[in-house]
Amino acid sequence: MEVTRHRAVVVVLAGFVVALGAAAVLLKVRDGAHPVADVLLTSLSGTAFVAAGLIADRRAPSNRSGLLMVLVGLGLFAEDLQLSTNAVVFTAGLLLAHASAPLVVHLMASFPAGRLDGRFARGTVVGAYVVGFGVSAAGVPFVDWAARFPGKPENLLLVVDAPAVGDAVGRMLELAGAVVGVALLVLLARRLAARTAGVRWPLGLVVAVALAGAALSAVASLLGSGHPAHAVVLTCYKIVFCLWPVTFAVGVVGLAPRVGGVADLLAALRQPCSPAELCVLLGRVLRDPSLRLVGWHAPSPNPGPPDTGDRAGPGERTVVLAECAGRPIAAVLSRDTTWDDPRVIRAAGTVVGMVADRLRLHEEIEGQLAEFRRSRVRLVELADAERRRVERDLHDGAQQRLVAVAIGLRLARQRLEGHVEPALAQLLAAGAEGLETAIGELRDLARGIHPAVLTQAGLVPAVTSLAERCPVPASVSAAELPRLPAAVEATAYFVVAEAITNVLKHAGATRIGVCLAADAGRLTVSVRDDGAGCGTPCGGSGLDGLAERVRALDGRLEIHGGRGAGTTVRAEIPVDAAAPEEVTH
């Protein structure tokens, strides 16, 4: 609504200026002292400022440069009112005899942002308005134009005709105008030397065209009106002055950020990006490479401003305050002063908030996923710890008691040998043999639950022991492996054990090869046989359970087999999958 109202005001003002320009052309034509080319070029320059102002305001309504261009056109046409034969209009024209000069100073001092930054810039513009309207008007009551130039209308503000006062005011006007001109040159030189993003090239273009016009004007003055080339040089100067407004419009339009560019930014943000990457994308869309994102943090339950540890640097200002879920989370700082379109600021703030919310959700999901993985690892570690406890209990409890009973039975047979009936001796021998078998089975059961050699010596000795007990010839290829986390060693061991068991049950193999290797933070376990194989990846419930266990450690288990080409079971397990403290056994 505010932008619409502003545009309506500018359009109405532009219409008034065009009407005033038409009146100024009629006054010049009726005056008869102005060549047709001069009338056309001066009217064209004023109209060009109005047109350029409308274009700039349409493209960047928040930039006051467009409005100032229209006002410069107003000032140029208002200066011609002193050609009127009407006393009221003539007197108004005397007061506005230098109306365009302070407006031009204001336009250049605030260009391209349309905003005055710093006390020096504001002081220069205030001085220009004081000189252009105050000092200029101070001499009006002391000049009787009707007496000096017959045919001129009456000066309604005349107090006394005092040529000396009028001349003094004229000299003061020239001196004050020179001071303002020097101040403007210093201001422009400082801004060009600062190399502020978005300022140098448009301002440099405007200054270059202005200097070209000033050079042509100086050459025409040096040549004098009697020189044959004077008229040509003066015409070139007026043509350059007509082109000058175009450079202002080009600067404003070229720097104005596009609201549609934010849609392009959204398209570029399909993939998650970091705050630094977002800053680069924002700077590209808003045509401002000086953008900096500070105070970035995920929204918290306690609303508050962005982190004050990151403060604005010299020359920086906050242009966007990003919010997420109604809470401020970040500020976008910029040294550029060329854009402050509320629509673009709101859109950019929304985009930053959306990205922050997406990153927050991504971080939450990643955190939950990491906790899920840690919980799976803990479950594996707890299961292994329980296996070790059961193995120790069987070894130190039931197995030791059975061994003690077997020893006692053996001693009893030795003492009773030759003193008992053969049937009883045979019964005692069968009992001792059965007891030895039970102890062996119990030992195998404990080893299957969790082999003691794995805990005591490590993965390679445990797998080697497993291969030595295998009825099918089995070879183990393993580099020297350091001790790994207990959960990793146990998982690798049971992969080998289950794979060998499957070979013995189903493959009919004559040879088994086991390979262990650790590289790039991963343990690779491979078990290959030369058995019958299968046409599709195969496995049993045991390997399926092991696959789940491997995945719990963020690893993977693959089974490849071809009919008549044997089967390969391959597992990759990250060696840091378990907690670091589990490395010590």
Protein backbone atom coordinates (compact mmCIF):
# COMPACT_ATOMS: atom_id res chain seq x y z
CA MET A 1 0.00 0.00 0.00
CA GLU A 2 2.81 2.40 0.89
CA VAL A 3 4.65 1.63 -2.38
CA THR A 4 1.44 2.19 -4.38
CA ARG A 5 0.85 5.55 -2.69
CA HIS A 6 4.44 6.59 -3.33
CA ARG A 7 4.21 5.68 -7.00
CA ALA A 8 0.96 7.61 -7.35
CA VAL A 9 2.60 10.71 -5.88
CA VAL A 10 5.57 10.43 -8.24
CA VAL A 11 3.34 9.94 -11.29
CA VAL A 12 1.18 12.95 -10.38
CA LEU A 13 4.29 15.04 -9.79
CA ALA A 14 5.73 13.91 -13.12
CA GLY A 15 2.51 14.94 -14.86
CA PHE A 16 2.72 18.37 -13.27
CA VAL A 17 6.36 18.72 -14.36
CA VAL A 18 5.49 17.79 -17.95
CA ALA A 19 2.75 20.44 -17.96
CA LEU A 20 5.20 22.95 -16.52
CA GLY A 21 7.71 21.96 -19.20
CA ALA A 22 5.17 22.62 -21.92
CA ALA A 23 4.53 26.05 -20.43
CA ALA A 24 8.27 26.72 -20.28
CA VAL A 25 8.64 25.85 -23.98
CA LEU A 26 5.82 28.30 -24.83
CA LEU A 27 7.50 31.02 -22.75
CA LYS A 28 10.82 30.52 -24.55
CA VAL A 29 9.19 30.52 -27.97
CA ARG A 30 7.23 33.71 -27.18
CA ASP A 31 10.32 35.36 -25.73
CA GLY A 32 11.99 35.02 -29.13
CA ALA A 33 15.54 35.24 -27.80
CA HIS A 34 16.18 31.51 -27.86
CA PRO A 35 17.08 29.48 -30.96
CA VAL A 36 14.84 26.56 -31.81
CA ALA A 37 17.66 24.05 -31.16
CA ASP A 38 18.24 25.55 -27.72
CA VAL A 39 14.54 25.32 -26.90
CA LEU A 40 14.37 21.71 -28.03
CA LEU A 41 17.51 20.59 -26.18
CA THR A 42 16.65 22.33 -22.88
CA SER A 43 13.11 20.97 -22.92
CA LEU A 44 14.47 17.54 -23.84
CA SER A 45 16.90 17.59 -20.88
CA GLY A 46 14.13 18.37 -18.40
CA THR A 47 11.87 15.73 -19.93
CA ALA A 48 14.72 13.20 -19.86
CA PHE A 49 15.13 13.72 -16.11
CA VAL A 50 11.39 13.16 -15.62
CA ALA A 51 11.36 9.99 -17.77
CA ALA A 52 14.50 8.61 -16.12
CA GLY A 53 13.01 9.33 -12.71
CA LEU A 54 9.81 7.46 -13.54
CA ILE A 55 11.77 4.45 -14.81
CA ALA A 56 14.04 4.40 -11.76
CA ASP A 57 11.11 4.80 -9.37
CA ARG A 58 9.20 2.03 -11.08
CA ARG A 59 12.16 -0.33 -10.78
CA ALA A 60 13.21 0.67 -7.25
CA PRO A 61 10.38 2.48 -5.45
CA SER A 62 12.26 2.54 -2.15
CA ASN A 63 15.18 4.41 -3.78
CA ARG A 64 14.55 8.18 -3.64
CA SER A 65 16.82 8.79 -6.65
CA GLY A 66 13.84 8.44 -8.99
CA LEU A 67 11.88 11.10 -7.13
CA LEU A 68 14.91 13.39 -7.08
CA MET A 69 15.31 13.06 -10.87
CA VAL A 70 11.70 14.17 -11.35
CA LEU A 71 12.35 17.11 -9.01
CA VAL A 72 15.45 18.08 -11.02
CA GLY A 73 13.24 18.23 -14.11
CA LEU A 74 10.83 20.38 -12.11
CA GLY A 75 13.67 22.73 -11.14
CA LEU A 76 14.91 23.04 -14.73
CA PHE A 77 11.47 24.02 -16.02
CA ALA A 78 10.76 26.28 -13.01
CA GLU A 79 13.83 28.39 -13.86
CA ASP A 80 12.17 29.42 -17.14
CA LEU A 81 9.24 31.05 -15.33
CA GLN A 82 11.21 34.31 -15.21
CA LEU A 83 10.53 34.61 -18.96
CA SER A 84 6.83 35.16 -18.24
CA THR A 85 5.18 38.54 -18.75
CA ASN A 86 2.91 37.93 -15.79
CA ALA A 87 4.22 39.73 -12.67
CA VAL A 88 3.33 36.90 -10.26
CA VAL A 89 4.84 34.18 -12.42
CA PHE A 90 7.84 36.39 -13.21
CA THR A 91 8.51 37.04 -9.51
CA ALA A 92 8.21 33.32 -8.74
CA GLY A 93 10.69 32.68 -11.55
CA LEU A 94 13.15 35.11 -9.97
CA LEU A 95 12.96 33.18 -6.68
CA LEU A 96 13.48 29.88 -8.53
CA ALA A 97 16.22 31.15 -10.85
CA HIS A 98 18.69 28.50 -9.53
CA ALA A 99 16.17 25.83 -8.42
CA SER A 100 17.76 22.91 -10.31
CA ALA A 101 21.28 23.34 -8.86
CA PRO A 102 20.59 22.22 -5.24
CA LEU A 103 18.41 19.38 -6.53
CA VAL A 104 21.26 18.17 -8.75
CA VAL A 105 23.64 18.37 -5.76
CA HIS A 106 21.15 16.36 -3.66
CA LEU A 107 20.77 13.75 -6.41
CA MET A 108 24.52 13.27 -6.85
CA ALA A 109 25.30 13.30 -3.11
CA SER A 110 22.73 10.58 -2.44
CA PHE A 111 23.27 8.53 -5.58
CA PRO A 112 22.89 5.60 -6.13
CA ALA A 113 21.07 4.70 -2.89
CA GLY A 114 18.90 7.81 -2.81
CA ARG A 115 19.95 8.29 0.79
CA LEU A 116 22.42 10.70 2.41
CA ASP A 117 25.00 8.83 4.49
CA GLY A 118 27.12 10.85 6.88
CA ARG A 119 27.10 14.39 8.23
CA PHE A 120 29.37 15.69 5.48
CA ALA A 121 26.92 14.61 2.76
CA ARG A 122 23.97 16.06 4.63
CA GLY A 123 25.85 19.31 5.28
CA THR A 124 26.77 19.64 1.61
CA VAL A 125 23.16 19.21 0.51
CA VAL A 126 21.82 21.60 3.14
CA GLY A 127 24.39 24.17 2.02
CA ALA A 128 23.30 23.68 -1.60
CA TYR A 129 19.66 24.37 -0.72
CA VAL A 130 20.62 27.43 1.34
CA VAL A 131 22.66 28.82 -1.56
CA GLY A 132 20.22 27.84 -4.33
CA PHE A 133 17.11 29.15 -2.65
CA GLY A 134 18.22 31.41 0.22
CA VAL A 135 21.21 33.36 -1.11
CA SER A 136 19.74 33.48 -4.61
CA ALA A 137 16.47 34.92 -3.33
CA ALA A 138 18.28 37.44 -1.11
CA GLY A 139 19.10 39.66 -4.12
CA VAL A 140 15.58 39.68 -5.62
CA PRO A 141 14.22 42.64 -3.51
CA PHE A 142 17.11 44.87 -4.65
CA VAL A 143 16.84 44.60 -8.43
CA ASP A 144 14.24 46.49 -10.49
CA TRP A 145 14.12 44.38 -13.61
CA ALA A 146 11.40 46.49 -15.26
CA ALA A 147 13.58 49.61 -15.02
CA ARG A 148 16.69 47.87 -16.32
CA PHE A 149 15.00 45.88 -19.09
CA PRO A 150 12.00 47.58 -20.65
CA GLY A 151 9.20 45.15 -21.28
CA LYS A 152 9.89 43.06 -18.21
CA PRO A 153 7.01 42.73 -15.74
CA GLU A 154 7.07 44.28 -12.28
CA ASN A 155 9.12 42.64 -9.51
CA LEU A 156 6.48 42.25 -6.79
CA LEU A 157 9.16 41.72 -4.11
CA LEU A 158 11.12 44.88 -4.97
CA VAL A 159 12.10 46.92 -1.90
CA VAL A 160 14.60 49.32 -3.43
CA ASP A 161 16.62 49.24 -6.62
CA ALA A 162 20.17 48.92 -5.27
CA PRO A 163 22.53 47.65 -7.97
CA ALA A 164 25.46 47.47 -5.52
CA VAL A 165 23.53 45.17 -3.20
CA GLY A 166 22.40 43.04 -6.11
CA ASP A 167 25.97 42.73 -7.38
CA ALA A 168 27.24 41.83 -3.90
CA VAL A 169 24.60 39.14 -3.56
CA GLY A 170 25.57 37.84 -7.01
CA ARG A 171 29.24 37.58 -6.01
CA MET A 172 28.26 35.89 -2.74
CA LEU A 173 26.13 33.46 -4.73
CA GLU A 174 29.06 32.57 -6.99
CA LEU A 175 31.44 32.13 -4.05
CA ALA A 176 29.01 30.02 -2.01
CA GLY A 177 28.17 27.97 -5.09
CA ALA A 178 31.88 27.32 -5.64
CA VAL A 179 32.27 26.15 -2.04
CA VAL A 180 29.31 23.78 -2.41
CA GLY A 181 30.75 22.52 -5.69
CA VAL A 182 34.13 21.80 -4.10
CA ALA A 183 32.43 20.02 -1.18
CA LEU A 184 30.45 17.88 -3.62
CA LEU A 185 33.62 16.98 -5.53
CA VAL A 186 35.35 15.96 -2.29
CA LEU A 187 32.33 13.85 -1.29
CA LEU A 188 32.21 12.11 -4.66
CA ALA A 189 35.98 11.51 -4.65
CA ARG A 190 35.80 9.94 -1.19
CA ARG A 191 32.95 7.66 -2.19
CA LEU A 192 34.68 6.56 -5.37
CA ALA A 193 37.92 5.91 -3.49
CA ALA A 194 36.09 3.83 -0.86
CA ARG A 195 35.25 1.19 -3.52
CA THR A 196 32.03 0.36 -1.75
CA ALA A 197 30.20 -2.54 -3.33
CA GLY A 198 27.43 -1.34 -5.64
CA VAL A 199 28.54 2.32 -5.61
CA ARG A 200 31.65 2.73 -7.69
CA TRP A 201 30.50 1.83 -11.19
CA PRO A 202 27.15 3.72 -11.30
CA LEU A 203 28.57 6.76 -9.54
CA GLY A 204 31.66 6.67 -11.74
CA LEU A 205 29.46 6.62 -14.86
CA VAL A 206 27.47 9.64 -13.66
CA VAL A 207 30.60 11.58 -12.72
CA ALA A 208 32.30 10.73 -16.02
CA VAL A 209 29.39 12.10 -18.07
CA ALA A 210 29.18 15.16 -15.82
CA LEU A 211 32.90 15.85 -16.25
CA ALA A 212 32.53 15.49 -20.02
CA GLY A 213 29.73 18.06 -20.00
CA ALA A 214 31.70 20.39 -17.73
CA ALA A 215 34.71 20.12 -20.05
CA LEU A 216 32.58 21.02 -23.08
CA SER A 217 31.04 23.95 -21.21
CA ALA A 218 34.51 25.23 -20.23
CA VAL A 219 35.75 24.94 -23.82
CA ALA A 220 32.72 26.88 -25.08
CA SER A 221 33.39 29.65 -22.51
CA LEU A 222 37.05 29.84 -23.49
CA LEU A 223 36.21 30.02 -27.18
CA GLY A 224 33.74 32.85 -26.70
CA SER A 225 30.52 33.48 -28.57
CA GLY A 226 32.35 34.94 -31.58
CA HIS A 227 34.35 31.77 -32.33
CA PRO A 228 33.04 29.64 -35.23
CA ALA A 229 33.19 26.46 -33.12
CA HIS A 230 31.40 27.97 -30.13
CA ALA A 231 27.91 26.98 -31.27
CA VAL A 232 28.99 23.41 -32.07
CA VAL A 233 30.71 22.89 -28.71
CA LEU A 234 27.76 24.40 -26.85
CA THR A 235 25.37 22.13 -28.70
CA CYS A 236 27.49 19.10 -27.82
CA TYR A 237 27.39 20.20 -24.18
CA LYS A 238 23.58 20.37 -24.24
CA ILE A 239 23.36 16.94 -25.90
CA VAL A 240 25.58 15.47 -23.18
CA PHE A 241 23.37 17.16 -20.56
CA CYS A 242 20.34 15.50 -22.17
CA LEU A 243 22.04 12.10 -21.89
CA TRP A 244 23.08 12.63 -18.28
CA PRO A 245 19.71 11.53 -16.77
CA VAL A 246 20.08 8.22 -18.58
CA THR A 247 23.21 7.41 -16.53
CA PHE A 248 21.28 7.98 -13.30
CA ALA A 249 18.48 5.66 -14.43
CA VAL A 250 20.95 3.00 -15.56
CA GLY A 251 22.69 3.09 -12.18
CA VAL A 252 19.47 2.72 -10.16
CA VAL A 253 17.97 0.04 -12.40
CA GLY A 254 21.24 -1.88 -12.64
CA LEU A 255 21.64 -2.07 -8.88
CA ALA A 256 18.05 -2.64 -7.84
CA PRO A 257 17.63 -6.16 -6.44
CA ARG A 258 14.93 -8.14 -8.12
CA VAL A 259 12.05 -9.52 -6.09
CA GLY A 260 11.90 -12.32 -8.64
CA GLY A 261 15.53 -13.04 -7.83
CA VAL A 262 14.41 -14.38 -4.46
CA ALA A 263 12.41 -17.01 -6.33
CA ASP A 264 15.61 -17.91 -8.17
CA LEU A 265 17.29 -18.15 -4.77
CA LEU A 266 14.64 -20.59 -3.57
CA ALA A 267 15.24 -22.71 -6.65
CA ALA A 268 18.97 -22.71 -5.87
CA LEU A 269 18.29 -23.85 -2.31
CA ARG A 270 16.89 -27.25 -3.18
CA GLN A 271 19.91 -28.79 -1.51
CA PRO A 272 20.87 -27.93 2.10
CA CYS A 273 23.47 -25.19 2.33
CA SER A 274 25.58 -23.65 5.07
CA PRO A 275 25.16 -20.04 6.28
CA ALA A 276 28.29 -19.07 4.30
CA GLU A 277 26.87 -20.56 1.09
CA LEU A 278 23.54 -18.84 1.75
CA CYS A 279 25.39 -15.52 2.13
CA VAL A 280 27.04 -15.96 -1.27
CA LEU A 281 23.70 -16.80 -2.91
CA LEU A 282 21.99 -13.82 -1.26
CA GLY A 283 24.76 -11.50 -2.37
CA ARG A 284 24.44 -12.77 -5.93
CA VAL A 285 20.66 -12.30 -6.04
CA LEU A 286 20.70 -8.94 -4.27
CA ARG A 287 23.76 -7.81 -6.25
CA ASP A 288 25.60 -7.03 -3.06
CA PRO A 289 28.83 -9.01 -2.46
CA SER A 290 29.40 -7.26 0.88
CA LEU A 291 26.57 -9.15 2.62
CA ARG A 292 27.48 -10.88 5.86
CA LEU A 293 25.32 -13.21 7.96
CA VAL A 294 25.81 -12.91 11.72
CA GLY A 295 24.26 -14.25 14.89
CA TRP A 296 23.26 -17.50 13.18
CA HIS A 297 21.71 -19.97 15.56
CA ALA A 298 18.77 -22.32 15.57
CA PRO A 299 15.60 -20.92 17.16
CA SER A 300 15.36 -21.70 20.83
CA PRO A 301 12.40 -21.75 23.20
CA ASN A 302 13.68 -18.49 24.70
CA PRO A 303 13.20 -15.77 22.07
CA GLY A 304 15.98 -13.23 21.82
CA PRO A 305 17.99 -11.18 19.38
CA PRO A 306 20.78 -12.67 17.29
CA ASP A 307 24.08 -13.31 19.00
CA THR A 308 25.63 -9.95 19.87
CA GLY A 309 29.09 -11.47 19.73
CA ASP A 310 29.01 -10.76 15.99
CA ARG A 311 28.65 -7.00 15.69
CA ALA A 312 28.39 -4.79 12.66
CA GLY A 313 31.77 -3.69 11.36
CA PRO A 314 32.69 -0.20 10.18
CA GLY A 315 30.20 1.04 7.61
CA GLU A 316 27.91 -1.98 8.02
CA ARG A 317 24.24 -1.82 8.78
CA THR A 318 21.52 -4.39 9.37
CA VAL A 319 19.44 -4.76 6.23
CA VAL A 320 17.60 -8.02 7.01
CA LEU A 321 16.50 -9.47 10.33
CA ALA A 322 15.62 -13.11 9.73
CA GLU A 323 13.05 -14.87 11.87
CA CYS A 324 12.01 -18.47 12.26
CA ALA A 325 8.85 -19.49 14.12
CA GLY A 326 8.45 -15.86 15.16
CA ARG A 327 11.88 -15.69 16.82
CA PRO A 328 14.88 -13.72 15.50
CA ILE A 329 17.72 -16.01 14.53
CA ALA A 330 20.08 -14.03 12.30
CA ALA A 331 20.89 -10.62 10.87
CA VAL A 332 22.20 -9.82 7.41
CA LEU A 333 24.73 -6.98 7.45
CA SER A 334 25.91 -4.99 4.45
CA ARG A 335 28.28 -2.14 3.66
CA ASP A 336 26.24 -1.42 0.56
CA THR A 337 23.67 1.35 0.80
CA THR A 338 22.11 0.91 -2.61
CA TRP A 339 19.15 -1.28 -1.76
CA ASP A 340 16.49 -1.22 0.90
CA ASP A 341 13.37 -2.30 -0.96
CA PRO A 342 10.96 -3.48 1.78
CA ARG A 343 9.61 -6.21 -0.50
CA VAL A 344 13.05 -7.62 -1.15
CA ILE A 345 14.00 -7.33 2.51
CA ARG A 346 10.89 -9.22 3.60
CA ALA A 347 11.45 -11.88 0.95
CA ALA A 348 15.14 -12.26 1.83
CA GLY A 349 14.30 -12.49 5.54
CA THR A 350 11.73 -15.20 4.78
CA VAL A 351 14.26 -17.16 2.74
CA VAL A 352 16.91 -16.96 5.47
CA GLY A 353 14.31 -18.07 8.02
CA MET A 354 13.24 -21.00 5.83
CA VAL A 355 16.83 -22.10 5.35
CA ALA A 356 17.48 -21.81 9.07
CA ASP A 357 14.37 -23.87 9.84
CA ARG A 358 15.38 -26.50 7.32
CA LEU A 359 18.89 -26.66 8.77
CA ARG A 360 17.39 -26.91 12.25
CA LEU A 361 15.20 -29.83 11.19
CA HIS A 362 18.16 -31.40 9.39
CA GLU A 363 20.31 -31.09 12.51
CA GLU A 364 17.53 -32.53 14.68
CA ILE A 365 17.09 -35.50 12.34
CA GLU A 366 20.85 -36.03 12.13
CA GLY A 367 21.04 -35.90 15.91
CA GLN A 368 18.22 -38.40 16.30
CA LEU A 369 19.79 -40.66 13.66
CA ALA A 370 23.16 -40.47 15.41
CA GLU A 371 21.50 -41.32 18.73
CA PHE A 372 19.71 -44.23 17.06
CA ARG A 373 23.02 -45.52 15.71
CA ARG A 374 24.65 -45.13 19.11
CA SER A 375 21.79 -47.03 20.71
CA ARG A 376 22.21 -49.87 18.20
CA VAL A 377 25.92 -49.99 18.96
CA ARG A 378 25.17 -50.03 22.68
CA LEU A 379 22.75 -52.93 22.19
CA VAL A 380 25.45 -54.90 20.33
CA GLU A 381 27.97 -54.10 23.02
CA LEU A 382 25.52 -55.09 25.76
CA ALA A 383 24.76 -58.35 23.95
CA ASP A 384 28.49 -59.09 23.62
CA ALA A 385 29.06 -58.26 27.26
CA GLU A 386 26.24 -60.64 28.20
CA ARG A 387 27.76 -63.31 25.94
CA ARG A 388 31.11 -62.90 27.67
CA ARG A 389 29.43 -63.12 31.08
CA VAL A 390 27.57 -66.31 30.15
CA GLU A 391 30.78 -67.78 28.70
CA ARG A 392 32.65 -66.98 31.93
CA ASP A 393 29.84 -68.37 34.06
CA LEU A 394 29.78 -71.60 32.08
CA HIS A 395 33.56 -71.87 32.18
CA ASP A 396 33.99 -70.99 35.82
CA GLY A 397 30.77 -72.62 37.02
CA ALA A 398 29.15 -75.63 35.37
CA GLN A 399 32.16 -76.58 33.25
CA GLN A 400 34.55 -76.54 36.22
CA ARG A 401 32.14 -78.57 38.33
CA LEU A 402 31.72 -81.11 35.56
CA VAL A 403 35.51 -81.31 35.18
CA ALA A 404 35.80 -81.89 38.94
CA VAL A 405 33.18 -84.65 38.74
CA ALA A 406 35.00 -86.21 35.80
CA ILE A 407 38.28 -86.15 37.72
CA GLY A 408 36.60 -87.74 40.76
CA LEU A 409 35.01 -90.40 38.59
CA ARG A 410 38.34 -91.16 36.92
CA LEU A 411 40.01 -91.54 40.37
CA ALA A 412 37.20 -93.78 41.54
CA ARG A 413 37.62 -96.05 38.50
CA GLN A 414 41.35 -96.24 39.10
CA ARG A 415 40.89 -97.26 42.78
CA LEU A 416 38.13 -99.76 42.07
CA GLU A 417 39.86 -101.30 39.10
CA GLY A 418 39.94 -105.11 39.61
CA HIS A 419 37.65 -104.92 42.65
CA VAL A 420 34.28 -104.53 40.96
CA GLU A 421 32.18 -106.62 38.66
CA PRO A 422 32.83 -106.12 34.95
CA ALA A 423 29.32 -104.84 34.39
CA LEU A 424 29.80 -102.10 37.01
CA ALA A 425 33.22 -101.24 35.59
CA GLN A 426 31.67 -100.94 32.12
CA LEU A 427 28.95 -98.72 33.55
CA LEU A 428 31.51 -96.46 35.22
CA ALA A 429 33.49 -96.23 31.98
CA ALA A 430 30.40 -95.29 30.00
CA GLY A 431 29.54 -92.63 32.60
CA ALA A 432 33.06 -91.16 32.43
CA GLU A 433 32.96 -91.14 28.64
CA GLY A 434 29.54 -89.44 28.61
CA LEU A 435 30.79 -86.89 31.10
CA GLU A 436 33.81 -86.12 28.91
CA THR A 437 31.49 -85.71 25.94
CA ALA A 438 29.24 -83.35 27.93
CA ILE A 439 32.25 -81.28 28.99
CA GLY A 440 33.34 -81.04 25.32
CA GLU A 441 29.88 -80.02 24.22
CA LEU A 442 29.66 -77.48 27.03
CA ARG A 443 33.09 -76.13 26.03
CA ASP A 444 31.89 -75.84 22.40
CA LEU A 445 28.72 -74.12 23.57
CA ALA A 446 30.69 -71.59 25.62
CA ARG A 447 33.06 -71.02 22.69
CA GLY A 448 30.05 -70.43 20.39
CA ILE A 449 28.52 -67.97 22.81
CA HIS A 450 31.76 -65.99 23.03
CA PRO A 451 35.20 -67.57 22.53
CA ALA A 452 37.63 -66.80 25.29
CA VAL A 453 40.52 -66.59 22.82
CA LEU A 454 38.81 -63.62 21.13
CA THR A 455 38.76 -61.67 24.36
CA GLN A 456 42.26 -62.71 25.41
CA ALA A 457 44.26 -62.74 22.14
CA GLY A 458 42.24 -60.83 19.57
CA LEU A 459 40.49 -61.35 16.25
CA VAL A 460 43.24 -62.99 14.17
CA PRO A 461 44.09 -65.75 16.72
CA ALA A 462 40.38 -66.41 17.27
CA VAL A 463 39.68 -66.78 13.53
CA THR A 464 42.84 -68.91 13.10
CA SER A 465 41.64 -71.21 15.90
CA LEU A 466 38.27 -71.44 14.20
CA ALA A 467 39.91 -72.39 10.90
CA GLU A 468 42.10 -75.04 12.55
CA ARG A 469 39.04 -76.77 13.99
CA CYS A 470 37.22 -76.69 10.65
CA PRO A 471 36.91 -80.15 9.01
CA VAL A 472 37.35 -78.56 5.57
CA PRO A 473 40.80 -77.10 4.83
CA ALA A 474 40.61 -73.41 5.65
CA SER A 475 43.26 -70.71 5.23
CA VAL A 476 43.40 -67.36 6.98
CA SER A 477 44.98 -64.33 5.31
CA ALA A 478 45.35 -61.40 7.68
CA ALA A 479 47.78 -58.57 8.10
CA GLU A 480 48.81 -57.63 11.60
CA LEU A 481 45.68 -56.08 13.00
CA PRO A 482 45.73 -53.92 16.10
CA ARG A 483 43.23 -54.62 18.84
CA LEU A 484 39.88 -53.26 17.72
CA PRO A 485 36.77 -52.36 19.70
CA ALA A 486 35.25 -55.47 21.28
CA ALA A 487 31.97 -55.11 19.38
CA VAL A 488 33.82 -54.90 16.06
CA GLU A 489 35.99 -57.96 16.80
CA ALA A 490 33.04 -59.98 18.01
CA THR A 491 30.92 -59.10 14.96
CA ALA A 492 33.75 -59.96 12.55
CA TYR A 493 34.38 -63.28 14.36
CA PHE A 494 30.74 -64.33 14.22
CA VAL A 495 30.54 -63.40 10.53
CA VAL A 496 33.40 -65.81 9.85
CA ALA A 497 31.93 -68.48 12.13
CA GLU A 498 28.46 -68.31 10.56
CA ALA A 499 29.88 -68.28 7.04
CA ILE A 500 31.97 -71.40 7.75
CA THR A 501 28.97 -73.11 9.31
CA ASN A 502 26.92 -72.40 6.17
CA VAL A 503 29.70 -73.78 3.98
CA LEU A 504 29.83 -77.00 6.00
CA LYS A 505 26.05 -77.40 5.90
CA HIS A 506 25.18 -76.46 2.33
CA ALA A 507 28.14 -75.81 0.01
CA GLY A 508 29.97 -79.11 -0.22
CA ALA A 509 33.20 -77.14 -0.55
CA THR A 510 36.71 -78.54 -0.51
CA ARG A 511 38.44 -75.34 0.49
CA ILE A 512 37.64 -72.16 2.44
CA GLY A 513 39.56 -68.87 2.37
CA VAL A 514 39.24 -66.20 5.07
CA CYS A 515 40.66 -62.73 4.56
CA LEU A 516 40.89 -59.97 7.20
CA ALA A 517 42.07 -56.45 6.35
CA ALA A 518 41.81 -53.02 7.94
CA ASP A 519 42.12 -49.93 5.77
CA ALA A 520 40.81 -46.36 5.80
CA GLY A 521 39.11 -46.85 9.14
CA ARG A 522 37.18 -49.95 8.05
CA LEU A 523 37.63 -53.64 8.78
CA THR A 524 36.92 -55.89 5.78
CA VAL A 525 36.06 -59.56 6.42
CA SER A 526 35.78 -61.95 3.49
CA VAL A 527 34.95 -65.68 3.54
CA ARG A 528 35.09 -67.50 0.19
CA ASP A 529 34.53 -71.15 -0.66
CA ASP A 530 34.71 -73.29 -3.79
CA GLY A 531 31.43 -75.03 -3.19
CA ALA A 532 28.24 -75.36 -5.24
CA GLY A 533 27.25 -71.71 -4.70
CA CYS A 534 23.81 -70.45 -5.69
CA GLY A 535 22.26 -68.57 -8.55
CA THR A 536 21.10 -65.65 -6.41
CA PRO A 537 22.45 -64.03 -3.27
CA CYS A 538 21.77 -66.57 -0.58
CA GLY A 539 21.96 -66.82 3.14
CA GLY A 540 20.16 -68.16 6.13
CA SER A 541 18.54 -66.78 9.21
CA GLY A 542 21.92 -66.76 10.94
CA LEU A 543 23.48 -64.53 8.28
CA ASP A 544 20.36 -62.36 8.24
CA GLY A 545 20.78 -61.77 11.96
CA LEU A 546 24.47 -61.04 11.44
CA ALA A 547 23.59 -58.55 8.68
CA GLU A 548 21.45 -56.67 11.20
CA ARG A 549 24.31 -56.75 13.68
CA VAL A 550 26.74 -55.41 11.05
CA ARG A 551 24.31 -52.63 10.11
CA ALA A 552 24.01 -51.74 13.78
CA LEU A 553 27.72 -50.87 13.64
CA ASP A 554 27.11 -48.75 10.51
CA GLY A 555 28.61 -51.44 8.32
CA ARG A 556 27.27 -53.68 5.59
CA LEU A 557 27.26 -57.40 4.76
CA GLU A 558 27.09 -58.74 1.22
CA ILE A 559 26.64 -62.30 -0.04
CA HIS A 560 27.55 -63.17 -3.61
CA GLY A 561 27.24 -66.56 -5.18
CA GLY A 562 27.02 -68.06 -8.62
CA ARG A 563 25.80 -71.55 -9.47
CA GLY A 564 28.90 -73.76 -9.35
CA ALA A 565 31.19 -70.78 -8.62
CA GLY A 566 31.20 -70.84 -4.84
CA THR A 567 29.97 -68.21 -2.41
CA THR A 568 31.60 -65.12 -0.96
CA VAL A 569 30.45 -63.50 2.26
CA ARG A 570 31.91 -60.02 2.65
CA ALA A 571 31.44 -57.60 5.54
CA GLU A 572 32.73 -54.04 6.01
CA ILE A 573 32.65 -52.62 9.52
CA PRO A 574 33.87 -49.16 10.59
CA VAL A 575 36.54 -49.68 13.23
CA ASP A 576 35.32 -46.62 15.16
CA ALA A 577 31.75 -47.88 15.22
CA ALA A 578 31.95 -48.74 18.92
CA ALA A 579 32.75 -46.51 21.82
CA PRO A 580 36.47 -45.73 22.21
CA GLU A 581 36.59 -47.16 25.68
CA GLU A 582 35.60 -50.55 24.29
CA VAL A 583 38.98 -50.87 22.57
CA THR A 584 40.50 -51.97 25.85
CA HIS A 585 39.66 -55.61 26.58
